[in-house]
Amino acid sequence: MKGYHDIAGDGGSRILEQVAEQRTRITDGLAGVRHLVAVGSGKGGVGKSTLTLHLAGALRARGLRIAILDADFNGPSQARMAGVQQAVFVPPPSPAGFGAASGRPRVALPRTASGIGVFSTGSLIPESEALEFESVAQGESHTWRATREFALLGEILGSFEWGALDLLLFDLPPGAERTVQYADFLGPRTSFLLVTIPSEVARGVVARSVAALSKGPNRVLGYVENMSGYYCRDCNAIKPLFEASAQAEPSGLEIPCLGTVPFDPELARHCDRGIPLAELPETPVGRALENVAQQLLDSLELTTSAFAHPSGELRRDRPASADHLRELPLGKEPSR
């Protein structure tokens, strides 16, 4: 009987060839994306998804081309908050533009009213249903489910028309281990932005994510402290939300703080309804998000951009300045 090492290649399964084809589709599809930024925390319930959406809105208001990939396939929230729950995925009439080299037409992204592209399984699966992966195996799903999820992420990256973007934001699922898995899958081109709240418990878990990411090649841009107080509309002031730890120093987070964002109950209500808050830019929350957006752009200015070639190799290029990003006309490919 032949052993595993006696089998030449992949034994005729074409698995290696299929993986290579998918990688080519992914690098081809993301060729027009200047920056990949994954937003994670390691800790659930810190408002990471809400922050991702409204940070995208602040960046979009500057004229940048932005898209969000809701990578929390089992707990998607971007579809509801962005107002694209009922979106219909429509393939383009022809494989023109970015992605044409693969010879496969790509699916157009749903967009918010402000023009932010959003992919979320919440647009495909009702909230009363769970994402399921068909398998002939019974039980022991922990041995293969993560593999199927990342295979699905690869299909999404390779099948949708991302086009020319200044930033593609990944809204990651919670869990420090999941953050590291996504870093490994997305590769060194992806930078990370972490989210915490003024709680020692949350900061401790995020510190573990920082420690885990520090062992890899991905750059951690910094962290945002979300729910840093709440906005009282009656008194037009920021009140403490976590009074016991409001004055505590962020223990263990040896990365830059890109800003603090207070909680706004009115904004939360609008998120539940999937409609934008028109007055957001004039509120303390809106101004805080604007500051985080600026800090993020400044951090990305220091990041060496990596552009993927169809061959699968990464070419290092000079970083674009934040001013250059802001001045780019919509729909134009960044100059290299």
C-alpha atoms as a PDB file:
ATOM      1  CA  MET A   1       0.000   0.000   0.000  1.00  0.00           C
ATOM      2  CA  LYS A   2       1.315   3.446  -0.939  1.00  0.00           C
ATOM      3  CA  GLY A   3       1.908   5.917   1.827  1.00  0.00           C
ATOM      4  CA  TYR A   4       1.158   9.645   1.751  1.00  0.00           C
ATOM      5  CA  HIS A   5       4.692  10.541   0.638  1.00  0.00           C
ATOM      6  CA  ASP A   6       4.543   8.025  -2.238  1.00  0.00           C
ATOM      7  CA  ILE A   7       1.835  10.032  -4.036  1.00  0.00           C
ATOM      8  CA  ALA A   8       3.233  12.359  -6.681  1.00  0.00           C
ATOM      9  CA  GLY A   9       1.832  15.905  -6.712  1.00  0.00           C
ATOM     10  CA  ASP A  10      -1.737  16.089  -5.425  1.00  0.00           C
ATOM     11  CA  GLY A  11      -2.703  12.619  -6.588  1.00  0.00           C
ATOM     12  CA  GLY A  12      -4.688  13.877  -9.565  1.00  0.00           C
ATOM     13  CA  SER A  13      -7.152  15.890  -7.455  1.00  0.00           C
ATOM     14  CA  ARG A  14      -6.121  19.234  -9.043  1.00  0.00           C
ATOM     15  CA  ILE A  15      -6.313  20.788  -5.564  1.00  0.00           C
ATOM     16  CA  LEU A  16      -3.014  22.633  -5.981  1.00  0.00           C
ATOM     17  CA  GLU A  17      -4.120  23.921  -9.377  1.00  0.00           C
ATOM     18  CA  GLN A  18      -7.458  25.073  -7.983  1.00  0.00           C
ATOM     19  CA  VAL A  19      -5.766  26.887  -5.092  1.00  0.00           C
ATOM     20  CA  ALA A  20      -3.401  28.612  -7.516  1.00  0.00           C
ATOM     21  CA  GLU A  21      -6.326  29.643  -9.737  1.00  0.00           C
ATOM     22  CA  GLN A  22      -8.188  31.115  -6.759  1.00  0.00           C
ATOM     23  CA  ARG A  23      -5.124  33.032  -5.613  1.00  0.00           C
ATOM     24  CA  THR A  24      -4.742  34.467  -9.095  1.00  0.00           C
ATOM     25  CA  ARG A  25      -8.387  35.597  -9.095  1.00  0.00           C
ATOM     26  CA  ILE A  26      -7.929  37.227  -5.681  1.00  0.00           C
ATOM     27  CA  THR A  27      -4.752  39.132  -6.568  1.00  0.00           C
ATOM     28  CA  ASP A  28      -6.315  40.147  -9.886  1.00  0.00           C
ATOM     29  CA  GLY A  29      -9.515  41.319  -8.208  1.00  0.00           C
ATOM     30  CA  LEU A  30      -7.671  43.363  -5.581  1.00  0.00           C
ATOM     31  CA  ALA A  31      -5.166  44.884  -8.011  1.00  0.00           C
ATOM     32  CA  GLY A  32      -6.948  48.241  -7.913  1.00  0.00           C
ATOM     33  CA  VAL A  33      -7.175  48.438  -4.107  1.00  0.00           C
ATOM     34  CA  ARG A  34      -4.589  50.764  -2.581  1.00  0.00           C
ATOM     35  CA  HIS A  35      -4.929  49.740   1.089  1.00  0.00           C
ATOM     36  CA  LEU A  36      -6.365  46.680   2.856  1.00  0.00           C
ATOM     37  CA  VAL A  37      -7.285  47.394   6.495  1.00  0.00           C
ATOM     38  CA  ALA A  38      -8.723  44.731   8.793  1.00  0.00           C
ATOM     39  CA  VAL A  39     -10.721  46.036  11.768  1.00  0.00           C
ATOM     40  CA  GLY A  40     -10.599  43.588  14.668  1.00  0.00           C
ATOM     41  CA  SER A  41     -10.658  43.482  18.428  1.00  0.00           C
ATOM     42  CA  GLY A  42     -10.331  39.992  19.841  1.00  0.00           C
ATOM     43  CA  LYS A  43     -13.238  40.960  22.111  1.00  0.00           C
ATOM     44  CA  GLY A  44     -16.888  40.905  21.056  1.00  0.00           C
ATOM     45  CA  GLY A  45     -19.356  43.632  21.999  1.00  0.00           C
ATOM     46  CA  VAL A  46     -16.989  46.599  21.640  1.00  0.00           C
ATOM     47  CA  GLY A  47     -18.874  48.181  18.723  1.00  0.00           C
ATOM     48  CA  LYS A  48     -16.323  47.161  16.085  1.00  0.00           C
ATOM     49  CA  SER A  49     -18.848  46.794  13.258  1.00  0.00           C
ATOM     50  CA  THR A  50     -20.527  50.113  14.018  1.00  0.00           C
ATOM     51  CA  LEU A  51     -17.141  51.825  14.141  1.00  0.00           C
ATOM     52  CA  THR A  52     -16.128  50.207  10.836  1.00  0.00           C
ATOM     53  CA  LEU A  53     -19.245  51.473   9.060  1.00  0.00           C
ATOM     54  CA  HIS A  54     -19.030  55.026  10.340  1.00  0.00           C
ATOM     55  CA  LEU A  55     -15.277  55.241   9.856  1.00  0.00           C
ATOM     56  CA  ALA A  56     -15.954  54.220   6.267  1.00  0.00           C
ATOM     57  CA  GLY A  57     -18.531  57.009   6.106  1.00  0.00           C
ATOM     58  CA  ALA A  58     -16.018  59.581   7.398  1.00  0.00           C
ATOM     59  CA  LEU A  59     -13.472  58.448   4.810  1.00  0.00           C
ATOM     60  CA  ARG A  60     -16.087  58.480   2.047  1.00  0.00           C
ATOM     61  CA  ALA A  61     -17.043  62.047   2.980  1.00  0.00           C
ATOM     62  CA  ARG A  62     -13.459  63.007   2.097  1.00  0.00           C
ATOM     63  CA  GLY A  63     -14.018  61.733  -1.434  1.00  0.00           C
ATOM     64  CA  LEU A  64     -12.189  58.421  -0.965  1.00  0.00           C
ATOM     65  CA  ARG A  65     -13.350  55.230  -2.647  1.00  0.00           C
ATOM     66  CA  ILE A  66     -14.303  52.814   0.146  1.00  0.00           C
ATOM     67  CA  ALA A  67     -15.724  49.303   0.435  1.00  0.00           C
ATOM     68  CA  ILE A  68     -16.471  47.046   3.410  1.00  0.00           C
ATOM     69  CA  LEU A  69     -16.233  43.253   3.486  1.00  0.00           C
ATOM     70  CA  ASP A  70     -18.219  41.880   6.429  1.00  0.00           C
ATOM     71  CA  ALA A  71     -16.043  38.872   7.266  1.00  0.00           C
ATOM     72  CA  ASP A  72     -18.205  37.791  10.199  1.00  0.00           C
ATOM     73  CA  PHE A  73     -20.143  35.287   8.109  1.00  0.00           C
ATOM     74  CA  ASN A  74     -21.989  33.776  11.081  1.00  0.00           C
ATOM     75  CA  GLY A  75     -22.902  37.085  12.723  1.00  0.00           C
ATOM     76  CA  PRO A  76     -23.085  39.655   9.918  1.00  0.00           C
ATOM     77  CA  SER A  77     -24.323  43.113  10.859  1.00  0.00           C
ATOM     78  CA  GLN A  78     -23.124  45.397   8.057  1.00  0.00           C
ATOM     79  CA  ALA A  79     -26.074  44.550   5.781  1.00  0.00           C
ATOM     80  CA  ARG A  80     -28.626  45.840   8.305  1.00  0.00           C
ATOM     81  CA  MET A  81     -26.635  48.869   9.434  1.00  0.00           C
ATOM     82  CA  ALA A  82     -25.671  49.923   5.912  1.00  0.00           C
ATOM     83  CA  GLY A  83     -29.217  49.489   4.603  1.00  0.00           C
ATOM     84  CA  VAL A  84     -28.380  46.750   2.062  1.00  0.00           C
ATOM     85  CA  GLN A  85     -30.272  43.811   3.594  1.00  0.00           C
ATOM     86  CA  GLN A  86     -32.507  43.534   0.536  1.00  0.00           C
ATOM     87  CA  ALA A  87     -29.700  44.098  -1.964  1.00  0.00           C
ATOM     88  CA  VAL A  88     -29.670  41.966  -5.113  1.00  0.00           C
ATOM     89  CA  PHE A  89     -26.294  40.745  -6.352  1.00  0.00           C
ATOM     90  CA  VAL A  90     -26.102  41.358 -10.095  1.00  0.00           C
ATOM     91  CA  PRO A  91     -23.237  40.134 -12.333  1.00  0.00           C
ATOM     92  CA  PRO A  92     -21.838  42.836 -14.659  1.00  0.00           C
ATOM     93  CA  PRO A  93     -22.802  42.665 -18.357  1.00  0.00           C
ATOM     94  CA  SER A  94     -19.166  42.116 -19.356  1.00  0.00           C
ATOM     95  CA  PRO A  95     -15.858  41.344 -17.600  1.00  0.00           C
ATOM     96  CA  ALA A  96     -14.519  44.828 -18.263  1.00  0.00           C
ATOM     97  CA  GLY A  97     -12.316  46.792 -15.916  1.00  0.00           C
ATOM     98  CA  PHE A  98     -10.394  45.301 -13.016  1.00  0.00           C
ATOM     99  CA  GLY A  99     -10.708  41.532 -12.907  1.00  0.00           C
ATOM    100  CA  ALA A 100     -11.030  41.086 -16.664  1.00  0.00           C
ATOM    101  CA  ALA A 101      -7.734  39.232 -16.885  1.00  0.00           C
ATOM    102  CA  SER A 102      -9.216  36.232 -15.118  1.00  0.00           C
ATOM    103  CA  GLY A 103     -11.749  35.810 -17.912  1.00  0.00           C
ATOM    104  CA  ARG A 104     -14.628  35.564 -15.424  1.00  0.00           C
ATOM    105  CA  PRO A 105     -17.262  38.266 -14.972  1.00  0.00           C
ATOM    106  CA  ARG A 106     -17.445  39.538 -11.409  1.00  0.00           C
ATOM    107  CA  VAL A 107     -20.456  40.352  -9.279  1.00  0.00           C
ATOM    108  CA  ALA A 108     -21.184  44.034  -8.605  1.00  0.00           C
ATOM    109  CA  LEU A 109     -21.171  45.157  -4.968  1.00  0.00           C
ATOM    110  CA  PRO A 110     -24.287  46.610  -3.321  1.00  0.00           C
ATOM    111  CA  ARG A 111     -23.725  50.242  -2.359  1.00  0.00           C
ATOM    112  CA  THR A 112     -24.964  52.555   0.334  1.00  0.00           C
ATOM    113  CA  ALA A 113     -26.599  55.876  -0.488  1.00  0.00           C
ATOM    114  CA  SER A 114     -23.203  57.548  -0.127  1.00  0.00           C
ATOM    115  CA  GLY A 115     -21.504  55.089  -2.488  1.00  0.00           C
ATOM    116  CA  ILE A 116     -19.749  52.722  -0.065  1.00  0.00           C
ATOM    117  CA  GLY A 117     -19.545  49.198  -1.468  1.00  0.00           C
ATOM    118  CA  VAL A 118     -20.676  46.564   1.043  1.00  0.00           C
ATOM    119  CA  PHE A 119     -20.497  42.787   0.988  1.00  0.00           C
ATOM    120  CA  SER A 120     -22.291  41.050   3.857  1.00  0.00           C
ATOM    121  CA  THR A 121     -23.858  37.605   4.095  1.00  0.00           C
ATOM    122  CA  GLY A 122     -26.665  39.462   5.859  1.00  0.00           C
ATOM    123  CA  SER A 123     -27.817  40.465   2.369  1.00  0.00           C
ATOM    124  CA  LEU A 124     -28.131  36.784   1.429  1.00  0.00           C
ATOM    125  CA  ILE A 125     -29.236  34.972   4.582  1.00  0.00           C
ATOM    126  CA  PRO A 126     -32.213  36.090   6.723  1.00  0.00           C
ATOM    127  CA  GLU A 127     -31.453  36.882  10.362  1.00  0.00           C
ATOM    128  CA  SER A 128     -33.647  33.944  11.387  1.00  0.00           C
ATOM    129  CA  GLU A 129     -31.288  31.509   9.625  1.00  0.00           C
ATOM    130  CA  ALA A 130     -27.685  30.440  10.245  1.00  0.00           C
ATOM    131  CA  LEU A 131     -24.901  29.982   7.722  1.00  0.00           C
ATOM    132  CA  GLU A 132     -24.490  26.271   7.056  1.00  0.00           C
ATOM    133  CA  PHE A 133     -21.835  24.331   5.164  1.00  0.00           C
ATOM    134  CA  GLU A 134     -23.005  21.085   3.594  1.00  0.00           C
ATOM    135  CA  SER A 135     -20.875  18.067   4.481  1.00  0.00           C
ATOM    136  CA  VAL A 136     -21.191  14.295   4.387  1.00  0.00           C
ATOM    137  CA  ALA A 137     -19.294  14.158   7.685  1.00  0.00           C
ATOM    138  CA  GLN A 138     -21.281  13.873  10.884  1.00  0.00           C
ATOM    139  CA  GLY A 139     -20.053  15.723  13.963  1.00  0.00           C
ATOM    140  CA  GLU A 140     -16.539  17.026  14.576  1.00  0.00           C
ATOM    141  CA  SER A 141     -17.375  20.136  12.540  1.00  0.00           C
ATOM    142  CA  HIS A 142     -14.634  22.072  14.335  1.00  0.00           C
ATOM    143  CA  THR A 143     -12.076  20.158  12.260  1.00  0.00           C
ATOM    144  CA  TRP A 144     -13.275  21.532   8.937  1.00  0.00           C
ATOM    145  CA  ARG A 145     -15.615  24.493   9.460  1.00  0.00           C
ATOM    146  CA  ALA A 146     -12.859  27.147   9.662  1.00  0.00           C
ATOM    147  CA  THR A 147     -11.386  25.760   6.442  1.00  0.00           C
ATOM    148  CA  ARG A 148     -14.738  26.128   4.704  1.00  0.00           C
ATOM    149  CA  GLU A 149     -15.146  29.686   6.010  1.00  0.00           C
ATOM    150  CA  PHE A 150     -11.785  30.786   4.626  1.00  0.00           C
ATOM    151  CA  ALA A 151     -12.530  29.028   1.355  1.00  0.00           C
ATOM    152  CA  LEU A 152     -15.726  31.108   1.223  1.00  0.00           C
ATOM    153  CA  LEU A 153     -13.738  34.290   1.949  1.00  0.00           C
ATOM    154  CA  GLY A 154     -11.450  33.430  -0.943  1.00  0.00           C
ATOM    155  CA  GLU A 155     -14.431  32.967  -3.249  1.00  0.00           C
ATOM    156  CA  ILE A 156     -15.850  36.343  -2.205  1.00  0.00           C
ATOM    157  CA  LEU A 157     -12.551  38.130  -2.793  1.00  0.00           C
ATOM    158  CA  GLY A 158     -12.155  36.464  -6.175  1.00  0.00           C
ATOM    159  CA  SER A 159     -15.756  36.740  -7.381  1.00  0.00           C
ATOM    160  CA  PHE A 160     -16.790  40.336  -6.616  1.00  0.00           C
ATOM    161  CA  GLU A 161     -15.900  43.485  -8.526  1.00  0.00           C
ATOM    162  CA  TRP A 162     -13.867  45.486  -5.996  1.00  0.00           C
ATOM    163  CA  GLY A 163     -12.612  47.860  -8.675  1.00  0.00           C
ATOM    164  CA  ALA A 164     -10.418  50.864  -7.885  1.00  0.00           C
ATOM    165  CA  LEU A 165     -10.521  51.562  -4.142  1.00  0.00           C
ATOM    166  CA  ASP A 166      -8.510  53.684  -1.772  1.00  0.00           C
ATOM    167  CA  LEU A 167      -9.399  51.420   1.163  1.00  0.00           C
ATOM    168  CA  LEU A 168     -11.059  48.038   1.576  1.00  0.00           C
ATOM    169  CA  LEU A 169     -12.098  47.563   5.210  1.00  0.00           C
ATOM    170  CA  PHE A 170     -12.535  44.028   6.578  1.00  0.00           C
ATOM    171  CA  ASP A 171     -14.976  43.813   9.503  1.00  0.00           C
ATOM    172  CA  LEU A 172     -13.554  40.776  11.317  1.00  0.00           C
ATOM    173  CA  PRO A 173     -15.383  38.368  13.646  1.00  0.00           C
ATOM    174  CA  PRO A 174     -14.456  38.525  17.356  1.00  0.00           C
ATOM    175  CA  GLY A 175     -11.733  36.361  18.847  1.00  0.00           C
ATOM    176  CA  ALA A 176      -7.970  36.885  19.200  1.00  0.00           C
ATOM    177  CA  GLU A 177      -7.278  33.576  17.442  1.00  0.00           C
ATOM    178  CA  ARG A 178      -9.609  34.509  14.574  1.00  0.00           C
ATOM    179  CA  THR A 179      -7.729  37.795  14.154  1.00  0.00           C
ATOM    180  CA  VAL A 180      -4.476  35.884  13.656  1.00  0.00           C
ATOM    181  CA  GLN A 181      -6.122  33.454  11.227  1.00  0.00           C
ATOM    182  CA  TYR A 182      -7.344  36.334   9.086  1.00  0.00           C
ATOM    183  CA  ALA A 183      -3.908  37.950   9.194  1.00  0.00           C
ATOM    184  CA  ASP A 184      -2.401  34.715   7.889  1.00  0.00           C
ATOM    185  CA  PHE A 185      -5.019  34.355   5.149  1.00  0.00           C
ATOM    186  CA  LEU A 186      -5.012  37.988   3.978  1.00  0.00           C
ATOM    187  CA  GLY A 187      -1.230  38.195   3.955  1.00  0.00           C
ATOM    188  CA  PRO A 188       1.312  40.888   4.883  1.00  0.00           C
ATOM    189  CA  ARG A 189      -0.286  43.498   2.638  1.00  0.00           C
ATOM    190  CA  THR A 190      -3.154  43.876   5.133  1.00  0.00           C
ATOM    191  CA  SER A 191      -2.789  46.321   8.043  1.00  0.00           C
ATOM    192  CA  PHE A 192      -4.787  45.983  11.263  1.00  0.00           C
ATOM    193  CA  LEU A 193      -6.816  48.480  13.275  1.00  0.00           C
ATOM    194  CA  LEU A 194      -7.962  47.212  16.684  1.00  0.00           C
ATOM    195  CA  VAL A 195     -10.978  48.358  18.692  1.00  0.00           C
ATOM    196  CA  THR A 196     -11.422  48.347  22.461  1.00  0.00           C
ATOM    197  CA  ILE A 197     -13.566  50.049  25.093  1.00  0.00           C
ATOM    198  CA  PRO A 198     -12.515  51.721  28.391  1.00  0.00           C
ATOM    199  CA  SER A 199     -12.701  48.419  30.263  1.00  0.00           C
ATOM    200  CA  GLU A 200      -9.719  46.502  31.615  1.00  0.00           C
ATOM    201  CA  VAL A 201     -11.322  43.217  30.540  1.00  0.00           C
ATOM    202  CA  ALA A 202     -11.674  44.381  26.925  1.00  0.00           C
ATOM    203  CA  ARG A 203      -8.213  45.947  26.888  1.00  0.00           C
ATOM    204  CA  GLY A 204      -6.696  42.728  28.205  1.00  0.00           C
ATOM    205  CA  VAL A 205      -8.194  40.669  25.373  1.00  0.00           C
ATOM    206  CA  VAL A 206      -7.156  43.233  22.764  1.00  0.00           C
ATOM    207  CA  ALA A 207      -3.631  43.156  24.234  1.00  0.00           C
ATOM    208  CA  ARG A 208      -3.558  39.450  23.418  1.00  0.00           C
ATOM    209  CA  SER A 209      -4.459  40.253  19.802  1.00  0.00           C
ATOM    210  CA  VAL A 210      -1.610  42.786  19.693  1.00  0.00           C
ATOM    211  CA  ALA A 211       0.820  40.196  21.058  1.00  0.00           C
ATOM    212  CA  ALA A 212      -0.327  37.569  18.563  1.00  0.00           C
ATOM    213  CA  LEU A 213      -0.139  39.940  15.585  1.00  0.00           C
ATOM    214  CA  SER A 214       3.330  41.120  16.625  1.00  0.00           C
ATOM    215  CA  LYS A 215       4.684  37.677  15.743  1.00  0.00           C
ATOM    216  CA  GLY A 216       3.669  38.078  12.097  1.00  0.00           C
ATOM    217  CA  PRO A 217       4.456  40.481   9.238  1.00  0.00           C
ATOM    218  CA  ASN A 218       1.199  42.489   9.378  1.00  0.00           C
ATOM    219  CA  ARG A 219       1.422  46.063  10.581  1.00  0.00           C
ATOM    220  CA  VAL A 220      -0.836  47.089  13.487  1.00  0.00           C
ATOM    221  CA  LEU A 221      -1.762  50.706  12.793  1.00  0.00           C
ATOM    222  CA  GLY A 222      -3.097  51.318  16.292  1.00  0.00           C
ATOM    223  CA  TYR A 223      -6.300  51.098  18.259  1.00  0.00           C
ATOM    224  CA  VAL A 224      -9.497  53.089  18.735  1.00  0.00           C
ATOM    225  CA  GLU A 225     -11.169  53.336  22.123  1.00  0.00           C
ATOM    226  CA  ASN A 226     -14.869  53.050  21.364  1.00  0.00           C
ATOM    227  CA  MET A 227     -17.713  53.929  23.774  1.00  0.00           C
ATOM    228  CA  SER A 228     -15.424  56.401  25.518  1.00  0.00           C
ATOM    229  CA  GLY A 229     -18.343  57.943  27.364  1.00  0.00           C
ATOM    230  CA  TYR A 230     -21.759  58.576  25.842  1.00  0.00           C
ATOM    231  CA  TYR A 231     -23.172  61.634  24.129  1.00  0.00           C
ATOM    232  CA  CYS A 232     -25.992  63.195  26.170  1.00  0.00           C
ATOM    233  CA  ARG A 233     -28.099  65.112  23.671  1.00  0.00           C
ATOM    234  CA  ASP A 234     -30.186  66.815  26.368  1.00  0.00           C
ATOM    235  CA  CYS A 235     -27.133  68.425  27.978  1.00  0.00           C
ATOM    236  CA  ASN A 236     -24.882  68.395  24.863  1.00  0.00           C
ATOM    237  CA  ALA A 237     -22.037  66.827  26.821  1.00  0.00           C
ATOM    238  CA  ILE A 238     -20.043  63.575  27.012  1.00  0.00           C
ATOM    239  CA  LYS A 239     -20.869  61.589  30.152  1.00  0.00           C
ATOM    240  CA  PRO A 240     -18.842  58.654  31.571  1.00  0.00           C
ATOM    241  CA  LEU A 241     -20.033  55.242  30.431  1.00  0.00           C
ATOM    242  CA  PHE A 242     -17.436  53.111  32.245  1.00  0.00           C
ATOM    243  CA  GLU A 243     -16.822  55.319  35.252  1.00  0.00           C
ATOM    244  CA  ALA A 244     -14.630  52.885  37.169  1.00  0.00           C
ATOM    245  CA  SER A 245     -12.044  52.661  34.386  1.00  0.00           C
ATOM    246  CA  ALA A 246     -12.564  55.988  32.627  1.00  0.00           C
ATOM    247  CA  GLN A 247      -9.304  57.384  34.006  1.00  0.00           C
ATOM    248  CA  ALA A 248      -7.285  54.200  33.749  1.00  0.00           C
ATOM    249  CA  GLU A 249      -4.327  53.951  31.422  1.00  0.00           C
ATOM    250  CA  PRO A 250      -4.686  51.454  28.531  1.00  0.00           C
ATOM    251  CA  SER A 251      -2.688  48.592  30.034  1.00  0.00           C
ATOM    252  CA  GLY A 252      -0.748  46.356  27.676  1.00  0.00           C
ATOM    253  CA  LEU A 253      -1.635  48.198  24.469  1.00  0.00           C
ATOM    254  CA  GLU A 254       1.790  49.302  23.281  1.00  0.00           C
ATOM    255  CA  ILE A 255       0.461  50.628  19.988  1.00  0.00           C
ATOM    256  CA  PRO A 256      -0.716  54.125  18.986  1.00  0.00           C
ATOM    257  CA  CYS A 257      -4.179  55.316  19.978  1.00  0.00           C
ATOM    258  CA  LEU A 258      -5.860  56.716  16.866  1.00  0.00           C
ATOM    259  CA  GLY A 259      -8.688  58.284  18.822  1.00  0.00           C
ATOM    260  CA  THR A 260     -11.608  57.871  21.208  1.00  0.00           C
ATOM    261  CA  VAL A 261     -15.242  57.726  20.100  1.00  0.00           C
ATOM    262  CA  PRO A 262     -18.227  58.234  22.453  1.00  0.00           C
ATOM    263  CA  PHE A 263     -21.418  56.202  22.253  1.00  0.00           C
ATOM    264  CA  ASP A 264     -24.465  57.936  20.769  1.00  0.00           C
ATOM    265  CA  PRO A 265     -27.840  56.227  21.476  1.00  0.00           C
ATOM    266  CA  GLU A 266     -29.434  58.072  18.550  1.00  0.00           C
ATOM    267  CA  LEU A 267     -26.777  56.758  16.179  1.00  0.00           C
ATOM    268  CA  ALA A 268     -27.413  53.239  17.505  1.00  0.00           C
ATOM    269  CA  ARG A 269     -31.121  53.597  16.705  1.00  0.00           C
ATOM    270  CA  HIS A 270     -30.308  54.681  13.168  1.00  0.00           C
ATOM    271  CA  CYS A 271     -28.000  51.667  12.751  1.00  0.00           C
ATOM    272  CA  ASP A 272     -30.829  49.334  13.755  1.00  0.00           C
ATOM    273  CA  ARG A 273     -33.016  50.916  11.071  1.00  0.00           C
ATOM    274  CA  GLY A 274     -30.267  50.946   8.434  1.00  0.00           C
ATOM    275  CA  ILE A 275     -30.487  54.660   7.694  1.00  0.00           C
ATOM    276  CA  PRO A 276     -27.693  57.254   7.992  1.00  0.00           C
ATOM    277  CA  LEU A 277     -27.780  59.952  10.659  1.00  0.00           C
ATOM    278  CA  ALA A 278     -27.740  63.177   8.639  1.00  0.00           C
ATOM    279  CA  GLU A 279     -26.562  65.325  11.533  1.00  0.00           C
ATOM    280  CA  LEU A 280     -23.692  62.983  12.493  1.00  0.00           C
ATOM    281  CA  PRO A 281     -20.831  65.226  11.221  1.00  0.00           C
ATOM    282  CA  GLU A 282     -21.959  68.046  13.549  1.00  0.00           C
ATOM    283  CA  THR A 283     -22.023  65.854  16.679  1.00  0.00           C
ATOM    284  CA  PRO A 284     -19.127  65.001  19.044  1.00  0.00           C
ATOM    285  CA  VAL A 285     -19.275  61.444  17.681  1.00  0.00           C
ATOM    286  CA  GLY A 286     -18.945  62.669  14.104  1.00  0.00           C
ATOM    287  CA  ARG A 287     -16.014  64.906  14.995  1.00  0.00           C
ATOM    288  CA  ALA A 288     -14.345  62.016  16.826  1.00  0.00           C
ATOM    289  CA  LEU A 289     -14.769  59.770  13.771  1.00  0.00           C
ATOM    290  CA  GLU A 290     -13.315  62.493  11.574  1.00  0.00           C
ATOM    291  CA  ASN A 291     -10.265  62.607  13.838  1.00  0.00           C
ATOM    292  CA  VAL A 292      -9.866  58.814  13.680  1.00  0.00           C
ATOM    293  CA  ALA A 293     -10.162  58.949   9.881  1.00  0.00           C
ATOM    294  CA  GLN A 294      -7.366  61.523   9.734  1.00  0.00           C
ATOM    295  CA  GLN A 295      -5.170  59.508  12.087  1.00  0.00           C
ATOM    296  CA  LEU A 296      -5.791  56.385  10.005  1.00  0.00           C
ATOM    297  CA  LEU A 297      -4.773  58.165   6.810  1.00  0.00           C
ATOM    298  CA  ASP A 298      -1.661  59.516   8.517  1.00  0.00           C
ATOM    299  CA  SER A 299      -0.770  55.981   9.646  1.00  0.00           C
ATOM    300  CA  LEU A 300      -1.309  54.572   6.176  1.00  0.00           C
ATOM    301  CA  GLU A 301       0.951  57.298   4.788  1.00  0.00           C
ATOM    302  CA  LEU A 302       3.772  55.653   6.716  1.00  0.00           C
ATOM    303  CA  THR A 303       2.883  52.193   5.421  1.00  0.00           C
ATOM    304  CA  THR A 304       4.709  50.870   2.384  1.00  0.00           C
ATOM    305  CA  SER A 305       1.996  49.953  -0.101  1.00  0.00           C
ATOM    306  CA  ALA A 306       2.153  46.494  -1.651  1.00  0.00           C
ATOM    307  CA  PHE A 307       0.438  45.920  -4.989  1.00  0.00           C
ATOM    308  CA  ALA A 308      -0.263  42.375  -6.136  1.00  0.00           C
ATOM    309  CA  HIS A 309       0.766  41.223  -9.592  1.00  0.00           C
ATOM    310  CA  PRO A 310      -1.295  38.619 -11.468  1.00  0.00           C
ATOM    311  CA  SER A 311       1.719  36.329 -11.038  1.00  0.00           C
ATOM    312  CA  GLY A 312       0.985  36.282  -7.332  1.00  0.00           C
ATOM    313  CA  GLU A 313       4.161  38.179  -6.398  1.00  0.00           C
ATOM    314  CA  LEU A 314       3.970  41.361  -4.384  1.00  0.00           C
ATOM    315  CA  ARG A 315       5.661  44.500  -5.691  1.00  0.00           C
ATOM    316  CA  ARG A 316       6.673  47.109  -3.138  1.00  0.00           C
ATOM    317  CA  ASP A 317       5.824  50.659  -4.135  1.00  0.00           C
ATOM    318  CA  ARG A 318       6.093  54.050  -2.535  1.00  0.00           C
ATOM    319  CA  PRO A 319       3.246  54.974  -0.157  1.00  0.00           C
ATOM    320  CA  ALA A 320       0.705  57.567  -1.192  1.00  0.00           C
ATOM    321  CA  SER A 321       0.312  60.528   1.115  1.00  0.00           C
ATOM    322  CA  ALA A 322      -2.977  61.200   2.857  1.00  0.00           C
ATOM    323  CA  ASP A 323      -3.318  64.391   0.824  1.00  0.00           C
ATOM    324  CA  HIS A 324      -2.767  62.449  -2.387  1.00  0.00           C
ATOM    325  CA  LEU A 325      -5.460  59.969  -1.360  1.00  0.00           C
ATOM    326  CA  ARG A 326      -7.933  62.744  -0.623  1.00  0.00           C
ATOM    327  CA  GLU A 327      -7.282  64.495  -3.919  1.00  0.00           C
ATOM    328  CA  LEU A 328      -7.752  61.441  -6.129  1.00  0.00           C
ATOM    329  CA  PRO A 329     -10.768  61.789  -8.466  1.00  0.00           C
ATOM    330  CA  LEU A 330     -13.363  59.101  -7.912  1.00  0.00           C
ATOM    331  CA  GLY A 331     -13.009  56.147 -10.211  1.00  0.00           C
ATOM    332  CA  LYS A 332      -9.397  56.971 -11.112  1.00  0.00           C
ATOM    333  CA  GLU A 333      -6.607  54.453 -10.603  1.00  0.00           C
ATOM    334  CA  PRO A 334      -3.932  55.750  -8.179  1.00  0.00           C
ATOM    335  CA  SER A 335      -0.767  56.836  -9.980  1.00  0.00           C
ATOM    336  CA  ARG A 336       2.258  54.676  -9.299  1.00  0.00           C
END
